[in-house]
Protein backbone atom coordinates (compact mmCIF):
# COMPACT_ATOMS: atom_id res chain seq x y z
CA UNK A 1 -175.55 -14.19 44.92
CA UNK A 2 -172.66 -12.52 43.14
CA UNK A 3 -172.70 -9.36 41.07
CA UNK A 4 -172.60 -11.42 37.92
CA UNK A 5 -175.81 -13.24 38.86
CA UNK A 6 -177.84 -10.12 39.63
CA UNK A 7 -180.45 -9.08 37.06
CA UNK A 8 -179.59 -6.07 34.90
CA UNK A 9 -181.04 -2.73 35.93
CA UNK A 10 -183.85 -1.41 33.76
CA UNK A 11 -183.10 1.40 31.33
CA UNK A 12 -184.12 4.93 32.37
CA UNK A 13 -187.50 6.21 31.25
CA UNK A 14 -187.57 8.55 28.25
CA UNK A 15 -187.92 12.21 29.18
CA UNK A 16 -191.45 12.38 27.74
CA UNK A 17 -192.61 9.65 30.14
CA UNK A 18 -190.67 10.82 33.20
CA UNK A 19 -191.77 14.46 33.11
CA UNK A 20 -194.85 14.96 35.35
CA UNK A 21 -195.63 18.49 34.12
CA UNK A 22 -198.01 17.51 31.26
CA UNK A 23 -199.97 15.21 33.55
CA UNK A 24 -200.29 17.78 36.33
CA UNK A 25 -201.29 20.60 34.00
CA UNK A 26 -203.62 18.35 32.01
CA UNK A 27 -205.35 17.14 35.17
CA UNK A 28 -205.72 20.69 36.45
CA UNK A 29 -207.20 21.77 33.12
CA UNK A 30 -209.68 18.88 33.28
CA UNK A 31 -210.79 19.96 36.77
CA UNK A 32 -211.44 23.48 35.49
CA UNK A 33 -213.22 22.11 32.43
CA UNK A 34 -215.43 20.07 34.76
CA UNK A 35 -216.08 23.20 36.79
CA UNK A 36 -217.19 25.09 33.69
CA UNK A 37 -219.44 22.23 32.59
CA UNK A 38 -221.08 22.01 36.01
CA UNK A 39 -221.43 25.79 36.06
CA UNK A 40 -223.16 25.75 32.68
CA UNK A 41 -225.35 22.66 32.96
CA UNK A 42 -225.92 21.85 36.65
CA UNK A 43 -225.44 25.00 38.67
CA UNK A 44 -227.81 23.77 41.39
CA UNK A 45 -225.45 20.93 42.38
CA UNK A 46 -223.34 22.84 44.90
CA UNK A 47 -221.28 19.83 46.00
CA UNK A 48 -220.16 19.06 42.46
CA UNK A 49 -219.52 22.73 41.74
CA UNK A 50 -217.28 23.19 44.78
CA UNK A 51 -215.55 19.84 44.26
CA UNK A 52 -214.48 20.68 40.71
CA UNK A 53 -213.40 24.19 41.67
CA UNK A 54 -211.39 22.82 44.59
CA UNK A 55 -209.74 20.26 42.31
CA UNK A 56 -208.60 22.98 39.93
CA UNK A 57 -207.34 25.27 42.67
CA UNK A 58 -205.48 22.44 44.41
CA UNK A 59 -203.94 21.48 41.06
CA UNK A 60 -202.57 25.00 40.68
CA UNK A 61 -201.25 25.01 44.25
CA UNK A 62 -199.66 21.58 43.77
CA UNK A 63 -198.01 22.64 40.52
CA UNK A 64 -196.64 25.75 42.24
CA UNK A 65 -195.12 23.66 45.02
CA UNK A 66 -193.66 21.26 42.44
CA UNK A 67 -192.04 24.15 40.51
CA UNK A 68 -190.73 25.66 43.75
CA UNK A 69 -189.11 22.38 44.77
CA UNK A 70 -187.66 21.79 41.30
CA UNK A 71 -186.08 25.26 41.29
CA UNK A 72 -184.65 24.63 44.76
CA UNK A 73 -183.19 21.31 43.60
CA UNK A 74 -181.59 22.96 40.56
CA UNK A 75 -180.09 25.65 42.81
CA UNK A 76 -178.66 22.96 45.05
CA UNK A 77 -180.61 23.90 48.15
CA UNK A 78 -180.09 21.52 51.06
CA UNK A 79 -183.81 21.41 51.86
CA UNK A 80 -184.96 20.55 48.33
CA UNK A 81 -186.37 17.18 47.39
CA UNK A 82 -183.98 14.76 45.73
CA UNK A 83 -184.39 13.66 42.11
CA UNK A 84 -186.23 16.70 40.72
CA UNK A 85 -183.31 18.38 38.95
CA UNK A 86 -183.89 17.26 35.37
CA UNK A 87 -186.44 14.51 35.07
């Protein structure tokens, strides 16, 4: 198959669709909202209470790691992940 016969590459995603920050922060906020709802309405359900709190805390930790890696990629650090510079 020659270069002329290969299918065209798809266009890049728009910035609004390629940026994961709104999804990560929105998901973290939903975990904390779930925690507050469980705290208000079903405090006796310890498993659900700890699950929602853990989801929110892990969302914050994950966002922190994401920001750390993005800053390292923008600095040009050798150990940074590839493709995080400007999504």
